[in-house]
Protein backbone atom coordinates (compact mmCIF):
# COMPACT_ATOMS: atom_id res chain seq x y z
CA MET A 1 119.25 137.43 101.80
CA ASN A 2 119.29 136.26 98.10
CA GLN A 3 121.90 139.02 96.17
CA ARG A 4 120.66 141.82 95.18
CA VAL A 5 119.12 142.23 91.84
CA GLU A 6 119.32 145.99 90.82
CA GLU A 7 120.55 148.22 87.65
CA TYR A 8 124.29 147.83 86.84
CA PRO A 9 126.57 150.85 87.04
CA VAL A 10 127.68 150.14 83.40
CA GLY A 11 124.75 149.24 80.81
CA THR A 12 127.54 148.20 78.07
CA ILE A 13 129.70 145.34 77.85
CA PHE A 14 133.56 146.48 77.49
CA ASP A 15 136.38 144.05 76.43
CA GLU A 16 140.02 144.22 75.46
CA LYS A 17 139.54 146.23 72.57
CA GLU A 18 138.41 148.99 74.43
CA ILE A 19 141.65 148.90 76.22
CA THR A 20 143.31 148.51 73.25
CA ALA A 21 141.60 151.40 71.21
CA ILE A 22 142.59 153.56 74.06
CA LYS A 23 145.92 152.33 74.50
CA GLN A 24 146.67 153.30 70.51
CA VAL A 25 145.24 156.44 71.39
CA LEU A 26 147.72 156.96 73.89
CA GLU A 27 150.50 156.17 72.07
CA SER A 28 149.45 157.78 68.50
CA GLY A 29 151.25 161.08 69.46
CA GLU A 30 148.16 162.86 67.98
CA THR A 31 146.25 165.39 70.01
CA LEU A 32 143.87 163.61 72.56
CA THR A 33 140.59 166.30 71.65
CA ARG A 34 140.59 166.67 67.97
CA GLY A 35 142.44 163.34 66.67
CA PRO A 36 141.27 161.62 63.53
CA GLU A 37 139.12 159.11 65.83
CA VAL A 38 136.65 161.80 66.89
CA GLU A 39 135.64 162.68 63.24
CA LEU A 40 136.06 158.49 62.23
CA PHE A 41 133.28 158.45 64.97
CA GLU A 42 131.11 161.31 64.02
CA LYS A 43 130.65 159.72 60.05
CA GLU A 44 130.73 155.66 61.51
CA PHE A 45 127.49 156.89 63.70
CA ALA A 46 125.98 159.21 60.60
CA SER A 47 126.13 156.27 58.60
CA TYR A 48 124.76 153.86 61.52
CA CYS A 49 121.85 156.07 61.66
CA ASN A 50 121.72 156.89 57.70
CA ALA A 51 121.90 160.94 58.83
CA LYS A 52 123.30 163.80 56.98
CA HIS A 53 125.60 164.65 59.98
CA ALA A 54 126.83 163.20 63.59
CA ILE A 55 128.78 165.94 65.46
CA SER A 56 130.20 164.36 68.82
CA THR A 57 129.53 166.16 71.93
CA SER A 58 130.76 166.12 75.97
CA SER A 59 127.46 164.61 77.06
CA CYS A 60 123.45 164.79 75.49
CA GLY A 61 123.28 167.62 77.71
CA GLY A 62 125.85 169.11 75.97
CA ALA A 63 123.67 168.39 72.69
CA LEU A 64 120.48 169.36 73.66
CA ASN A 65 122.39 172.85 74.99
CA ILE A 66 123.83 173.14 71.71
CA ALA A 67 119.80 172.55 70.13
CA SER A 68 118.75 175.22 72.16
CA LYS A 69 121.55 177.66 70.60
CA VAL A 70 121.26 176.23 66.95
CA LEU A 71 117.61 176.92 67.04
CA ASN A 72 118.24 180.42 68.78
CA LEU A 73 115.33 180.23 71.48
CA LYS A 74 115.28 183.43 73.59
CA LYS A 75 113.21 184.57 76.44
CA ASN A 76 109.22 184.00 75.67
CA ASP A 77 109.65 181.91 73.14
CA GLU A 78 107.81 178.84 73.31
CA VAL A 79 108.42 175.06 73.28
CA ILE A 80 105.98 172.42 73.63
CA CYS A 81 107.77 169.50 75.72
CA GLN A 82 106.53 165.81 76.70
CA ALA A 83 105.15 165.75 80.01
CA ASN A 84 107.63 163.36 81.31
CA VAL A 85 111.10 164.22 79.68
CA PHE A 86 114.33 164.12 81.56
CA TRP A 87 115.82 167.08 83.91
CA VAL A 88 118.29 167.59 81.27
CA THR A 89 115.96 167.96 78.19
CA ILE A 90 114.57 170.83 79.52
CA VAL A 91 117.24 172.89 81.69
CA ASN A 92 119.02 174.83 78.70
CA LEU A 93 115.45 175.87 78.05
CA LEU A 94 114.74 177.36 81.51
CA GLU A 95 118.45 178.88 81.55
CA ARG A 96 117.35 180.74 78.28
CA ASN A 97 113.54 181.62 79.96
CA VAL A 98 111.55 179.98 77.50
CA THR A 99 108.23 179.15 77.79
CA ILE A 100 107.57 175.46 78.06
CA LYS A 101 104.04 174.46 77.24
CA CYS A 102 103.93 170.49 78.61
CA ALA A 103 101.91 168.15 76.19
CA ASP A 104 100.54 164.91 77.68
CA ILE A 105 101.81 161.11 77.10
CA GLU A 106 100.11 158.08 75.56
CA LYS A 107 99.63 155.49 78.89
CA ASN A 108 100.52 152.39 76.70
CA THR A 109 103.96 154.21 75.07
CA LEU A 110 105.11 156.60 77.65
CA ASN A 111 105.49 158.38 74.78
CA ILE A 112 104.63 162.14 73.56
CA ASP A 113 100.67 161.83 72.48
CA PRO A 114 100.62 163.81 68.88
CA ASN A 115 97.23 164.68 69.50
CA LYS A 116 98.04 166.84 72.58
CA ILE A 117 100.08 168.75 70.30
CA GLU A 118 97.97 171.08 68.57
CA PRO A 119 95.99 172.73 70.75
CA LEU A 120 99.68 174.08 72.58
CA ILE A 121 100.72 175.92 69.54
CA THR A 122 100.94 179.38 69.00
CA ASP A 123 102.53 182.14 67.15
CA LYS A 124 105.52 181.94 69.67
CA THR A 125 106.54 178.19 69.34
CA LYS A 126 109.51 177.31 67.95
CA ALA A 127 109.93 174.16 68.62
CA ILE A 128 108.54 170.08 69.62
CA TYR A 129 110.74 167.90 72.30
CA VAL A 130 110.11 164.64 72.89
CA LEU A 131 112.01 161.90 74.12
CA HIS A 132 111.97 158.47 73.01
CA HIS A 133 110.69 156.61 76.32
CA GLY A 134 113.30 154.15 77.44
CA GLY A 135 114.44 153.46 74.06
CA ASN A 136 110.60 152.97 72.61
CA PRO A 137 110.17 155.33 69.33
CA VAL A 138 108.16 158.31 69.46
CA ASN A 139 105.13 157.98 66.80
CA LEU A 140 107.03 159.93 64.48
CA ASP A 141 105.24 160.45 61.46
CA PRO A 142 102.32 162.30 62.91
CA ILE A 143 104.43 164.61 64.69
CA ARG A 144 106.51 165.59 61.50
CA GLU A 145 103.20 166.67 59.92
CA ILE A 146 102.42 169.40 62.85
CA ALA A 147 105.78 170.55 62.30
CA GLU A 148 106.28 171.37 58.78
CA SER A 149 102.29 172.41 58.47
CA ASN A 150 103.54 175.16 61.32
CA ASN A 151 107.19 175.43 60.63
CA LEU A 152 108.67 174.03 63.86
CA ALA A 153 111.82 172.24 64.35
CA ILE A 154 111.61 169.06 66.30
CA VAL A 155 114.08 167.87 68.90
CA GLU A 156 114.40 164.24 69.50
CA ASP A 157 115.86 163.55 73.06
CA ALA A 158 117.49 159.92 71.76
CA ALA A 159 119.08 159.50 75.20
CA HIS A 160 117.87 155.84 75.14
CA ALA A 161 116.80 155.43 71.94
CA VAL A 162 120.65 154.33 70.13
CA GLY A 163 120.02 151.64 68.13
CA ALA A 164 116.42 151.82 68.27
CA GLU A 165 113.97 152.03 65.00
CA TYR A 166 111.23 154.22 63.31
CA LYS A 167 109.00 152.29 60.88
CA GLY A 168 112.19 150.32 59.56
CA ASN A 169 115.19 153.27 59.97
CA LYS A 170 117.03 153.97 63.04
CA ILE A 171 116.34 157.06 64.60
CA GLY A 172 118.41 159.94 63.70
CA HIS A 173 117.26 159.05 60.26
CA LYS A 174 115.11 162.34 58.61
CA SER A 175 115.50 164.11 62.01
CA ASP A 176 116.19 167.76 62.30
CA ILE A 177 117.73 167.11 65.95
CA ALA A 178 118.35 164.13 67.64
CA CYS A 179 120.88 164.32 70.83
CA PHE A 180 122.35 160.99 71.76
CA SER A 181 123.74 159.91 74.99
CA PHE A 182 126.68 157.65 75.48
CA SER A 183 126.76 157.94 79.99
CA SER A 184 127.43 155.65 81.78
CA LEU A 185 124.17 153.17 82.14
CA LYS A 186 123.09 153.86 78.37
CA ASN A 187 123.14 150.57 75.70
CA MET A 188 126.72 152.41 74.27
CA SER A 189 129.10 154.43 76.30
CA THR A 190 132.16 156.58 75.63
CA LEU A 191 133.67 156.06 78.86
CA GLY A 192 131.27 157.51 81.18
CA GLU A 193 130.16 161.09 79.51
CA GLY A 194 129.41 162.05 76.04
CA GLY A 195 126.82 162.24 73.32
CA MET A 196 126.23 162.99 69.40
CA PHE A 197 124.11 165.49 67.96
CA VAL A 198 122.50 164.11 64.59
CA THR A 199 120.94 166.48 62.19
CA ASN A 200 119.72 166.58 58.30
CA ASP A 201 119.82 170.02 58.38
CA GLU A 202 123.08 171.95 56.58
CA ASP A 203 122.23 175.08 58.48
CA PHE A 204 122.21 173.45 61.99
CA ALA A 205 125.20 171.20 61.51
CA GLU A 206 127.28 173.81 60.30
CA LYS A 207 126.31 175.87 63.44
CA ALA A 208 126.86 172.94 65.81
CA TRP A 209 129.90 172.91 64.35
CA GLY A 210 131.55 175.50 65.84
CA LEU A 211 129.14 175.81 69.24
CA ARG A 212 130.38 172.85 70.46
CA THR A 213 134.07 174.83 69.50
CA ASN A 214 133.71 178.01 71.59
CA TYR A 215 132.45 179.59 68.51
CA PRO A 216 129.87 182.22 67.84
CA TYR A 217 127.70 182.54 64.98
CA GLY A 218 125.21 185.45 63.45
CA ASN A 219 125.93 188.44 60.95
CA ARG A 220 129.18 189.15 60.46
CA GLN A 221 131.31 190.36 56.69
CA LYS A 222 134.82 189.37 55.52
CA ARG A 223 137.09 192.25 56.45
CA HIS A 224 139.93 193.15 53.90
CA ALA A 225 142.02 195.23 55.63
CA THR A 226 145.58 193.87 56.97
CA ASN A 227 145.20 196.33 60.40
CA ILE A 228 143.45 197.14 63.04
CA GLY A 229 144.30 200.79 63.90
CA SER A 230 148.20 200.96 63.61
CA TYR A 231 148.64 197.37 64.39
CA HIS A 232 148.83 195.25 61.40
CA LYS A 233 148.31 191.63 60.88
CA PRO A 234 151.57 189.34 61.92
CA LYS A 235 153.02 187.50 59.08
CA SER A 236 155.17 184.68 60.92
CA PRO A 237 152.99 181.45 61.46
CA ALA A 238 154.59 181.87 65.13
CA PHE A 239 151.82 183.87 66.00
CA MET A 240 148.54 181.97 67.50
CA HIS A 241 145.81 182.56 65.84
CA ALA A 242 143.91 186.08 66.26
CA GLY A 243 140.31 184.17 65.79
CA ASP A 244 138.54 186.16 63.56
CA ALA A 245 140.42 189.61 64.42
CA TRP A 246 141.84 189.83 61.59
CA ASP A 247 139.22 188.44 59.22
CA TYR A 248 135.79 189.28 59.79
CA GLU A 249 133.71 192.39 60.90
CA TRP A 250 130.86 191.52 63.08
CA LEU A 251 127.37 192.79 62.77
CA ARG A 252 125.43 190.89 65.15
CA VAL A 253 126.59 187.65 67.06
CA ASP A 254 122.93 185.53 67.70
CA GLU A 255 124.81 182.56 69.52
CA ILE A 256 128.37 181.93 71.46
CA GLY A 257 129.51 178.54 72.06
CA SER A 258 131.31 176.62 74.50
CA THR A 259 133.65 173.56 74.92
CA TYR A 260 131.27 170.42 74.26
CA ARG A 261 134.13 168.75 72.56
CA MET A 262 134.72 164.83 73.03
CA SER A 263 137.93 163.65 73.77
CA SER A 264 139.92 161.19 70.95
CA ALA A 265 139.86 158.05 73.55
CA GLN A 266 136.13 158.12 74.56
CA ALA A 267 135.48 158.72 70.48
CA ALA A 268 137.96 155.39 69.88
CA VAL A 269 135.74 153.50 72.56
CA GLY A 270 132.48 155.09 70.85
CA ARG A 271 134.19 153.24 67.57
CA VAL A 272 133.87 150.03 68.91
CA GLN A 273 130.85 150.58 71.09
CA LEU A 274 129.48 151.16 68.31
CA LYS A 275 130.26 147.80 66.42
CA LYS A 276 128.85 145.74 69.43
CA LEU A 277 125.63 147.67 69.41
CA ASP A 278 123.38 145.37 67.56
CA LYS A 279 124.84 142.76 69.46
CA HIS A 280 123.55 144.40 72.96
CA ASN A 281 120.79 145.53 72.23
CA ASN A 282 119.86 142.02 70.24
CA ILE A 283 121.02 140.67 74.24
CA ARG A 284 118.22 143.21 75.95
CA LYS A 285 115.57 142.06 73.77
CA GLY A 286 115.71 138.78 74.68
CA ILE A 287 115.34 139.31 78.61
CA ALA A 288 112.42 141.90 77.35
CA ASP A 289 110.88 139.24 75.42
CA THR A 290 111.17 137.00 78.48
CA PHE A 291 109.97 139.61 80.86
CA ASN A 292 107.23 140.20 78.55
CA LYS A 293 105.89 136.67 78.29
CA THR A 294 105.67 136.37 82.29
CA ILE A 295 103.84 139.93 81.92
CA SER A 296 101.16 138.65 79.37
CA GLU A 297 100.91 135.69 81.66
CA ILE A 298 99.42 137.67 84.46
CA ASP A 299 95.78 139.56 84.47
CA GLU A 300 97.10 142.17 86.61
CA PHE A 301 99.83 143.29 84.43
CA SER A 302 99.79 144.94 80.65
CA MET A 303 102.70 145.44 78.38
CA LEU A 304 104.31 148.50 76.96
CA ASN A 305 103.12 149.35 73.52
CA VAL A 306 105.94 149.53 70.66
CA LEU A 307 104.28 150.86 67.35
CA PRO A 308 104.34 148.64 64.32
CA LYS A 309 107.43 148.45 62.26
CA CYS A 310 109.79 149.74 65.09
CA LYS A 311 111.99 148.53 67.17
CA HIS A 312 112.73 149.39 70.67
CA ALA A 313 116.08 149.49 72.42
CA TRP A 314 115.01 148.32 75.35
CA HIS A 315 117.48 150.92 77.71
CA LEU A 316 115.01 150.60 80.19
CA PHE A 317 112.08 147.86 80.76
CA THR A 318 108.81 149.41 81.28
CA PHE A 319 105.65 147.62 82.38
CA PHE A 320 102.06 148.60 83.49
CA LEU A 321 99.67 147.47 86.73
CA LYS A 322 96.29 147.56 84.86
CA ASP A 323 93.61 149.66 86.31
CA ASN A 324 90.66 148.85 89.07
CA MET A 325 92.98 145.65 89.96
CA ASN A 326 92.55 146.06 93.77
CA LEU A 327 96.20 146.29 93.91
CA ASN A 328 98.60 149.07 95.10
CA ARG A 329 101.31 149.69 92.38
CA ASP A 330 103.78 151.04 95.28
CA TYR A 331 102.76 147.70 97.41
CA ILE A 332 104.06 145.54 94.19
CA ILE A 333 107.67 147.89 93.97
CA LYS A 334 107.71 147.22 98.22
CA ARG A 335 107.23 143.46 97.88
CA LEU A 336 109.72 143.43 95.04
CA ASP A 337 112.33 145.06 96.93
CA THR A 338 111.64 143.30 100.84
CA ASP A 339 110.57 140.40 99.89
CA TYR A 340 112.49 139.58 96.55
CA ASN A 341 115.53 141.73 96.72
CA ILE A 342 114.68 143.18 93.28
CA HIS A 343 115.27 147.02 93.26
CA SER A 344 112.26 148.71 90.92
CA PRO A 345 113.01 152.48 89.53
CA ILE A 346 110.47 154.69 88.32
CA ARG A 347 111.21 156.99 85.69
CA PHE A 348 110.50 159.65 84.94
CA TRP A 349 108.61 162.24 87.21
CA PRO A 350 106.20 164.05 85.72
CA ILE A 351 108.36 167.54 84.47
CA HIS A 352 105.29 169.76 84.93
CA LEU A 353 105.58 168.65 88.76
CA GLY A 354 108.65 169.64 89.09
CA GLY A 355 109.59 172.60 91.83
CA ILE A 356 110.83 175.24 89.17
CA MET A 357 108.17 174.22 86.50
CA ARG A 358 105.58 174.78 89.50
CA MET A 359 107.09 177.88 90.34
CA ASN A 360 106.81 179.21 86.72
CA GLY A 361 103.12 178.55 86.89
CA HIS A 362 102.80 174.83 86.52
CA ASP A 363 100.14 172.35 88.16
CA ILE A 364 99.14 169.35 89.04
CA GLY A 365 96.15 168.03 86.32
CA GLU A 366 97.82 169.64 83.48
CA CYS A 367 98.77 166.41 81.84
CA PRO A 368 96.47 163.92 83.47
CA ALA A 369 97.71 160.70 81.68
CA CYS A 370 101.40 161.27 83.00
CA GLU A 371 100.09 161.77 86.29
CA ASP A 372 98.03 159.07 86.72
CA VAL A 373 100.48 156.30 84.75
CA TRP A 374 103.71 157.95 86.62
CA PHE A 375 101.58 157.85 90.39
CA ASN A 376 99.60 154.60 89.67
CA GLN A 377 100.35 152.36 87.16
CA GLN A 378 104.13 152.15 85.71
CA LEU A 379 106.55 149.31 87.08
CA SER A 380 110.12 148.70 85.95
CA LEU A 381 112.19 146.27 85.88
CA PRO A 382 116.43 146.02 85.56
CA ILE A 383 117.17 145.16 82.29
CA SER A 384 121.16 145.00 80.97
CA PRO A 385 123.19 142.51 78.70
CA GLN A 386 125.31 141.71 81.71
CA MET A 387 122.28 140.37 83.40
CA LYS A 388 122.81 136.32 84.63
CA ASP A 389 119.80 133.88 84.03
CA TRP A 390 119.13 133.58 87.81
CA GLU A 391 118.40 137.28 88.16
CA ILE A 392 116.29 137.20 85.25
CA GLN A 393 114.58 133.92 86.63
CA ARG A 394 114.60 135.37 90.23
CA ILE A 395 112.33 138.36 88.29
CA ASN A 396 110.12 136.51 86.33
CA THR A 397 109.59 134.34 89.69
CA SER A 398 108.69 137.38 91.54
CA LEU A 399 105.92 138.59 89.48
CA LYS A 400 104.20 135.85 89.66
CA GLU A 401 104.19 135.31 93.35
CA ILE A 402 103.41 138.59 94.32
CA ILE A 403 100.74 138.62 92.63
CA LYS A 404 99.84 135.06 93.53
CA LEU A 405 99.86 135.99 97.16
CA SER A 406 98.58 139.04 97.16
CA LYS A 407 95.03 138.12 95.28
CA PRO A 408 93.32 136.70 98.49
CA LYS A 409 94.58 140.10 100.64
CA LEU A 410 92.83 142.47 97.74
CA ILE A 411 95.22 145.10 99.03
CA ASN A 412 94.33 148.77 98.58
């Protein structure tokens, strides 16, 4: 059988520049967790997004966890969440016993439908969670209007969307909170794991800086005494820093952080990867253009819709089987796999149908557009800047052949 076409285990391209960056960190004698590369990466990433603040994290999941802490979400608070987000988007909400209300999607963009948000808002709603699905920018302007009029924060799961643009601006520009991923499969990677918490809110930024390094936030006041009972504050610098023991009295603790830091070596690699990002995304776009050309020539298929003045990051390539085509979506996936040795992963499962969500009262029919497109229409193809010409050619040829061979059979 022909060599298999599937996702590459790494979604970017590394070369000697990353190796040199790691070597320089190891030879520098600087700390490996809070070295200068971390701050430089954060400044460069914020500049790339044209955002005020970027706080590096150990993962996108860590950034999302920080987001829920920054918003101080509590039991019985409500958030509105796009129905086809990834599990990691909501796991911290479930952990905090936040009530999740799932908003349906637009079938042709796979992003949240702004028209489905307002009916879900109550006086308990605190935030709207969206996912730029596959790197396709969400229609943010109407959602921002809804959020502003209801005093809600918007949390953007931008795990797929590094380098994507909404109306000419990078995702992260004007964001309340945008959480990026640099894990192994993403368009840029910081050695397999890593993330970034991006915000334009000064208060969110200040809290996130502390939370990613175990600090608490809440209500505290400055101490003026230099003793605690009969114990006096040591004057020698040889004593390990005692945190806030001598300097503050706490009146209320709202949140306590954890260790969500990015290492210096990861940040050094991130700086190199950021410089390559636009080039790699352009390679992805070129591949997507060839796929879309083929799809446009096949009556049974339709392309994903990208909004005007927006730029897709093409982390994932998705397209659709049209309704009433006498074809079965799963049949196409099977033929791609068995006849052409092409892996076609389908993302993401409707989140409201997950086991824990169903335990919490969610059920089928809650988000019909999301359910229909996922179970009947959504198709996906491997995409990577590492792809070879023969892989791209086989994919394009196979799509045409599958439809041609299937038409006389009217497969159901």
